[in-house]
Amino acid sequence: MQSYILLGIAIITTVLSQLLFKQGMLILGGINFSLSNILSLVVSTLKNPFLLSGLVFYGISFLLWLLVLSKMKLSIAYPITSLNFVLAIIASYFLFGERISPIQFIGIFLIIIGVIALAKS
């Protein structure tokens, strides 16, 4: 049970990092990835509290994931991380006003059914 709790926290911190990245990019605006502007991109990232916080949560998620892998089978843990997609879609709807299409609803349903089936195996 403790492994599933750790996995749940890892999933939540992953989704939180992605939401922070999105908010940070909304503030930063469009960027051009090239070798010539890599330094200014790093500086802009470090100055943006949302991107910086996203990096911190992403790091926490990474460490939690390593801990989960030390306690669970990869064949169980990794498919459960598909809940990242479900939570990201739902959070994007509420936080960014993104629309959820009927196909996305079907996908969410199928992912949840799959995770339940895995958890019972």
N, C-alpha and C. Protein backbone atom coordinates (compact mmCIF):
# COMPACT_ATOMS: atom_id res chain seq x y z
N MET A 1 0.82 -1.20 0.00
CA MET A 1 0.00 0.00 0.00
C MET A 1 0.86 1.26 0.00
N GLN A 2 1.96 1.24 0.76
CA GLN A 2 2.85 2.40 0.81
C GLN A 2 3.41 2.72 -0.57
N SER A 3 3.69 1.68 -1.35
CA SER A 3 4.22 1.88 -2.70
C SER A 3 3.21 2.62 -3.58
N TYR A 4 1.94 2.28 -3.43
CA TYR A 4 0.90 2.94 -4.22
C TYR A 4 0.74 4.41 -3.80
N ILE A 5 0.91 4.67 -2.52
CA ILE A 5 0.84 6.06 -2.04
C ILE A 5 2.00 6.87 -2.62
N LEU A 6 3.19 6.30 -2.59
CA LEU A 6 4.36 6.97 -3.18
C LEU A 6 4.15 7.20 -4.67
N LEU A 7 3.60 6.20 -5.35
CA LEU A 7 3.33 6.33 -6.78
C LEU A 7 2.30 7.44 -7.03
N GLY A 8 1.28 7.50 -6.19
CA GLY A 8 0.28 8.56 -6.31
C GLY A 8 0.88 9.95 -6.14
N ILE A 9 1.77 10.08 -5.18
CA ILE A 9 2.44 11.37 -4.96
C ILE A 9 3.34 11.71 -6.14
N ALA A 10 4.03 10.70 -6.67
CA ALA A 10 4.88 10.92 -7.85
C ALA A 10 4.05 11.39 -9.03
N ILE A 11 2.89 10.79 -9.21
CA ILE A 11 2.00 11.19 -10.31
C ILE A 11 1.51 12.62 -10.11
N ILE A 12 1.11 12.94 -8.90
CA ILE A 12 0.62 14.30 -8.62
C ILE A 12 1.72 15.34 -8.82
N THR A 13 2.93 15.05 -8.37
CA THR A 13 4.03 16.02 -8.55
C THR A 13 4.41 16.16 -10.02
N THR A 14 4.29 15.07 -10.79
CA THR A 14 4.55 15.17 -12.23
C THR A 14 3.53 16.08 -12.89
N VAL A 15 2.27 15.87 -12.58
CA VAL A 15 1.21 16.69 -13.18
C VAL A 15 1.36 18.15 -12.73
N LEU A 16 1.64 18.35 -11.46
CA LEU A 16 1.84 19.71 -10.96
C LEU A 16 2.99 20.39 -11.69
N SER A 17 4.07 19.67 -11.93
CA SER A 17 5.19 20.27 -12.66
C SER A 17 4.76 20.68 -14.07
N GLN A 18 3.97 19.84 -14.74
CA GLN A 18 3.53 20.18 -16.09
C GLN A 18 2.61 21.39 -16.10
N LEU A 19 1.75 21.48 -15.10
CA LEU A 19 0.86 22.65 -15.00
C LEU A 19 1.66 23.92 -14.75
N LEU A 20 2.66 23.82 -13.91
CA LEU A 20 3.54 24.98 -13.66
C LEU A 20 4.32 25.36 -14.90
N PHE A 21 4.79 24.35 -15.65
CA PHE A 21 5.49 24.63 -16.91
C PHE A 21 4.57 25.37 -17.88
N LYS A 22 3.33 24.91 -17.98
CA LYS A 22 2.38 25.56 -18.88
C LYS A 22 2.13 27.00 -18.47
N GLN A 23 1.90 27.25 -17.18
CA GLN A 23 1.66 28.61 -16.71
C GLN A 23 2.89 29.48 -16.95
N GLY A 24 4.05 28.91 -16.70
CA GLY A 24 5.29 29.66 -16.94
C GLY A 24 5.46 30.03 -18.40
N MET A 25 5.10 29.11 -19.29
CA MET A 25 5.22 29.40 -20.72
C MET A 25 4.16 30.39 -21.19
N LEU A 26 3.01 30.40 -20.55
CA LEU A 26 2.02 31.42 -20.88
C LEU A 26 2.55 32.81 -20.56
N ILE A 27 3.31 32.90 -19.48
CA ILE A 27 3.90 34.18 -19.10
C ILE A 27 5.09 34.51 -19.99
N LEU A 28 5.94 33.52 -20.23
CA LEU A 28 7.15 33.74 -21.03
C LEU A 28 6.84 33.98 -22.49
N GLY A 29 5.82 33.33 -22.99
CA GLY A 29 5.46 33.48 -24.39
C GLY A 29 6.24 32.52 -25.26
N GLY A 30 6.11 32.69 -26.55
CA GLY A 30 6.80 31.82 -27.50
C GLY A 30 8.30 31.96 -27.39
N ILE A 31 8.98 30.86 -27.54
CA ILE A 31 10.44 30.90 -27.48
C ILE A 31 11.01 30.21 -28.72
N ASN A 32 12.21 30.58 -29.03
CA ASN A 32 12.92 30.01 -30.16
C ASN A 32 14.12 29.25 -29.63
N PHE A 33 14.09 27.93 -29.81
CA PHE A 33 15.22 27.12 -29.35
C PHE A 33 16.33 27.16 -30.39
N SER A 34 17.43 27.73 -30.01
CA SER A 34 18.60 27.70 -30.88
C SER A 34 19.84 27.82 -29.99
N LEU A 35 20.96 27.44 -30.54
CA LEU A 35 22.21 27.49 -29.78
C LEU A 35 22.56 28.91 -29.38
N SER A 36 22.19 29.87 -30.22
CA SER A 36 22.56 31.26 -29.95
C SER A 36 21.79 31.87 -28.78
N ASN A 37 20.61 31.36 -28.47
CA ASN A 37 19.84 31.96 -27.38
C ASN A 37 19.68 31.04 -26.17
N ILE A 38 20.48 30.02 -26.09
CA ILE A 38 20.33 29.06 -25.00
C ILE A 38 20.58 29.71 -23.64
N LEU A 39 21.57 30.60 -23.55
CA LEU A 39 21.86 31.27 -22.28
C LEU A 39 20.70 32.15 -21.84
N SER A 40 20.14 32.92 -22.77
CA SER A 40 19.02 33.78 -22.39
C SER A 40 17.79 32.94 -22.02
N LEU A 41 17.64 31.78 -22.65
CA LEU A 41 16.54 30.88 -22.30
C LEU A 41 16.70 30.34 -20.89
N VAL A 42 17.91 29.97 -20.51
CA VAL A 42 18.18 29.49 -19.15
C VAL A 42 17.92 30.59 -18.14
N VAL A 43 18.37 31.79 -18.44
CA VAL A 43 18.15 32.93 -17.53
C VAL A 43 16.66 33.22 -17.39
N SER A 44 15.94 33.21 -18.51
CA SER A 44 14.49 33.46 -18.46
C SER A 44 13.78 32.39 -17.65
N THR A 45 14.22 31.15 -17.78
CA THR A 45 13.63 30.06 -17.02
C THR A 45 13.86 30.25 -15.53
N LEU A 46 15.08 30.60 -15.17
CA LEU A 46 15.41 30.77 -13.76
C LEU A 46 14.75 31.99 -13.13
N LYS A 47 14.36 32.96 -13.95
CA LYS A 47 13.68 34.15 -13.45
C LYS A 47 12.16 33.95 -13.34
N ASN A 48 11.66 32.94 -14.00
CA ASN A 48 10.22 32.69 -14.02
C ASN A 48 9.86 31.76 -12.86
N PRO A 49 9.13 32.26 -11.86
CA PRO A 49 8.84 31.42 -10.69
C PRO A 49 8.03 30.16 -11.01
N PHE A 50 7.20 30.22 -12.04
CA PHE A 50 6.41 29.04 -12.40
C PHE A 50 7.30 27.95 -13.01
N LEU A 51 8.20 28.36 -13.91
CA LEU A 51 9.09 27.38 -14.52
C LEU A 51 10.06 26.81 -13.49
N LEU A 52 10.56 27.66 -12.64
CA LEU A 52 11.49 27.20 -11.60
C LEU A 52 10.79 26.25 -10.64
N SER A 53 9.58 26.58 -10.22
CA SER A 53 8.82 25.69 -9.35
C SER A 53 8.50 24.38 -10.06
N GLY A 54 8.19 24.46 -11.34
CA GLY A 54 7.94 23.25 -12.13
C GLY A 54 9.15 22.34 -12.14
N LEU A 55 10.33 22.93 -12.28
CA LEU A 55 11.56 22.13 -12.25
C LEU A 55 11.75 21.45 -10.90
N VAL A 56 11.44 22.16 -9.84
CA VAL A 56 11.58 21.59 -8.49
C VAL A 56 10.63 20.40 -8.34
N PHE A 57 9.37 20.58 -8.72
CA PHE A 57 8.40 19.48 -8.60
C PHE A 57 8.75 18.31 -9.52
N TYR A 58 9.31 18.62 -10.68
CA TYR A 58 9.74 17.57 -11.59
C TYR A 58 10.87 16.75 -10.96
N GLY A 59 11.79 17.45 -10.29
CA GLY A 59 12.88 16.77 -9.58
C GLY A 59 12.35 15.90 -8.45
N ILE A 60 11.38 16.41 -7.70
CA ILE A 60 10.77 15.62 -6.62
C ILE A 60 10.10 14.38 -7.21
N SER A 61 9.40 14.57 -8.31
CA SER A 61 8.73 13.45 -8.97
C SER A 61 9.74 12.39 -9.40
N PHE A 62 10.85 12.83 -9.94
CA PHE A 62 11.92 11.91 -10.37
C PHE A 62 12.43 11.08 -9.19
N LEU A 63 12.69 11.73 -8.08
CA LEU A 63 13.19 11.01 -6.90
C LEU A 63 12.15 10.04 -6.35
N LEU A 64 10.90 10.46 -6.34
CA LEU A 64 9.82 9.56 -5.89
C LEU A 64 9.68 8.37 -6.84
N TRP A 65 9.84 8.62 -8.13
CA TRP A 65 9.74 7.55 -9.11
C TRP A 65 10.83 6.50 -8.88
N LEU A 66 12.04 6.96 -8.58
CA LEU A 66 13.12 6.02 -8.28
C LEU A 66 12.77 5.18 -7.05
N LEU A 67 12.19 5.83 -6.05
CA LEU A 67 11.79 5.12 -4.84
C LEU A 67 10.70 4.08 -5.16
N VAL A 68 9.74 4.47 -5.98
CA VAL A 68 8.68 3.55 -6.39
C VAL A 68 9.28 2.34 -7.12
N LEU A 69 10.21 2.60 -8.03
CA LEU A 69 10.82 1.51 -8.79
C LEU A 69 11.59 0.55 -7.89
N SER A 70 12.08 1.04 -6.77
CA SER A 70 12.80 0.16 -5.86
C SER A 70 11.84 -0.75 -5.07
N LYS A 71 10.53 -0.43 -5.11
CA LYS A 71 9.57 -1.17 -4.31
C LYS A 71 8.50 -1.91 -5.13
N MET A 72 8.33 -1.53 -6.40
CA MET A 72 7.26 -2.09 -7.22
C MET A 72 7.80 -2.65 -8.53
N LYS A 73 7.02 -3.54 -9.12
CA LYS A 73 7.35 -4.04 -10.45
C LYS A 73 7.12 -2.91 -11.46
N LEU A 74 8.02 -2.77 -12.39
CA LEU A 74 7.87 -1.76 -13.45
C LEU A 74 6.61 -2.05 -14.28
N SER A 75 6.31 -3.32 -14.48
CA SER A 75 5.15 -3.70 -15.29
C SER A 75 3.83 -3.29 -14.65
N ILE A 76 3.84 -2.99 -13.38
CA ILE A 76 2.65 -2.48 -12.68
C ILE A 76 2.73 -0.96 -12.54
N ALA A 77 3.87 -0.47 -12.06
CA ALA A 77 4.00 0.96 -11.76
C ALA A 77 3.91 1.84 -13.00
N TYR A 78 4.60 1.46 -14.06
CA TYR A 78 4.66 2.36 -15.22
C TYR A 78 3.30 2.56 -15.88
N PRO A 79 2.53 1.51 -16.12
CA PRO A 79 1.20 1.76 -16.72
C PRO A 79 0.29 2.63 -15.85
N ILE A 80 0.46 2.54 -14.54
CA ILE A 80 -0.37 3.36 -13.65
C ILE A 80 -0.06 4.85 -13.83
N THR A 81 1.16 5.16 -14.27
CA THR A 81 1.49 6.57 -14.49
C THR A 81 0.68 7.19 -15.63
N SER A 82 -0.07 6.37 -16.36
CA SER A 82 -0.96 6.93 -17.38
C SER A 82 -2.03 7.83 -16.76
N LEU A 83 -2.19 7.72 -15.44
CA LEU A 83 -3.09 8.66 -14.75
C LEU A 83 -2.59 10.09 -14.86
N ASN A 84 -1.30 10.27 -15.18
CA ASN A 84 -0.77 11.61 -15.46
C ASN A 84 -1.62 12.30 -16.52
N PHE A 85 -1.96 11.55 -17.58
CA PHE A 85 -2.73 12.12 -18.68
C PHE A 85 -4.13 12.52 -18.23
N VAL A 86 -4.74 11.67 -17.45
CA VAL A 86 -6.09 11.94 -16.95
C VAL A 86 -6.09 13.21 -16.11
N LEU A 87 -5.18 13.27 -15.15
CA LEU A 87 -5.14 14.44 -14.26
C LEU A 87 -4.75 15.72 -15.00
N ALA A 88 -3.85 15.61 -15.96
CA ALA A 88 -3.43 16.79 -16.73
C ALA A 88 -4.59 17.34 -17.56
N ILE A 89 -5.35 16.45 -18.17
CA ILE A 89 -6.50 16.90 -18.97
C ILE A 89 -7.54 17.59 -18.08
N ILE A 90 -7.85 16.97 -16.96
CA ILE A 90 -8.86 17.54 -16.05
C ILE A 90 -8.38 18.88 -15.48
N ALA A 91 -7.14 18.93 -15.04
CA ALA A 91 -6.60 20.17 -14.49
C ALA A 91 -6.53 21.27 -15.54
N SER A 92 -6.17 20.91 -16.77
CA SER A 92 -6.11 21.90 -17.85
C SER A 92 -7.47 22.49 -18.15
N TYR A 93 -8.49 21.68 -18.00
CA TYR A 93 -9.86 22.16 -18.20
C TYR A 93 -10.19 23.25 -17.18
N PHE A 94 -9.87 22.97 -15.91
CA PHE A 94 -10.22 23.92 -14.85
C PHE A 94 -9.27 25.11 -14.77
N LEU A 95 -8.00 24.89 -14.96
CA LEU A 95 -7.02 25.97 -14.77
C LEU A 95 -6.80 26.83 -16.01
N PHE A 96 -6.85 26.21 -17.19
CA PHE A 96 -6.53 26.95 -18.41
C PHE A 96 -7.71 27.07 -19.37
N GLY A 97 -8.86 26.54 -18.96
CA GLY A 97 -10.04 26.64 -19.80
C GLY A 97 -9.95 25.81 -21.07
N GLU A 98 -9.12 24.79 -21.07
CA GLU A 98 -8.98 23.94 -22.26
C GLU A 98 -10.21 23.03 -22.37
N ARG A 99 -10.65 22.84 -23.57
CA ARG A 99 -11.83 22.03 -23.85
C ARG A 99 -11.47 20.54 -23.80
N ILE A 100 -12.38 19.72 -23.32
CA ILE A 100 -12.19 18.27 -23.32
C ILE A 100 -13.12 17.70 -24.38
N SER A 101 -12.53 17.09 -25.40
CA SER A 101 -13.32 16.54 -26.51
C SER A 101 -13.94 15.20 -26.10
N PRO A 102 -14.96 14.78 -26.84
CA PRO A 102 -15.56 13.46 -26.57
C PRO A 102 -14.53 12.32 -26.65
N ILE A 103 -13.61 12.41 -27.58
CA ILE A 103 -12.57 11.38 -27.70
C ILE A 103 -11.69 11.37 -26.45
N GLN A 104 -11.39 12.54 -25.90
CA GLN A 104 -10.60 12.60 -24.67
C GLN A 104 -11.37 11.98 -23.51
N PHE A 105 -12.69 12.21 -23.44
CA PHE A 105 -13.50 11.59 -22.39
C PHE A 105 -13.42 10.06 -22.50
N ILE A 106 -13.52 9.55 -23.71
CA ILE A 106 -13.41 8.10 -23.92
C ILE A 106 -12.03 7.62 -23.50
N GLY A 107 -11.00 8.36 -23.87
CA GLY A 107 -9.63 7.99 -23.48
C GLY A 107 -9.45 7.98 -21.97
N ILE A 108 -9.99 8.99 -21.31
CA ILE A 108 -9.92 9.05 -19.84
C ILE A 108 -10.59 7.83 -19.23
N PHE A 109 -11.75 7.50 -19.73
CA PHE A 109 -12.49 6.33 -19.23
C PHE A 109 -11.68 5.05 -19.42
N LEU A 110 -11.11 4.87 -20.59
CA LEU A 110 -10.34 3.66 -20.88
C LEU A 110 -9.08 3.57 -20.01
N ILE A 111 -8.43 4.71 -19.80
CA ILE A 111 -7.24 4.71 -18.94
C ILE A 111 -7.62 4.31 -17.52
N ILE A 112 -8.70 4.87 -17.01
CA ILE A 112 -9.13 4.55 -15.64
C ILE A 112 -9.48 3.06 -15.53
N ILE A 113 -10.17 2.54 -16.51
CA ILE A 113 -10.51 1.11 -16.50
C ILE A 113 -9.23 0.27 -16.52
N GLY A 114 -8.27 0.66 -17.34
CA GLY A 114 -7.00 -0.06 -17.42
C GLY A 114 -6.22 -0.04 -16.11
N VAL A 115 -6.20 1.11 -15.47
CA VAL A 115 -5.49 1.23 -14.18
C VAL A 115 -6.17 0.37 -13.11
N ILE A 116 -7.49 0.37 -13.10
CA ILE A 116 -8.22 -0.46 -12.14
C ILE A 116 -7.90 -1.93 -12.38
N ALA A 117 -7.88 -2.34 -13.64
CA ALA A 117 -7.58 -3.74 -13.97
C ALA A 117 -6.17 -4.10 -13.52
N LEU A 118 -5.22 -3.19 -13.73
CA LEU A 118 -3.84 -3.45 -13.30
C LEU A 118 -3.74 -3.55 -11.79
N ALA A 119 -4.41 -2.66 -11.10
CA ALA A 119 -4.32 -2.66 -9.64
C ALA A 119 -4.90 -3.92 -9.03
N LYS A 120 -5.87 -4.53 -9.71
CA LYS A 120 -6.48 -5.75 -9.19
C LYS A 120 -5.69 -7.01 -9.55
N SER A 121 -4.71 -6.88 -10.45
CA SER A 121 -3.97 -8.08 -10.86
C SER A 121 -2.87 -8.45 -9.88
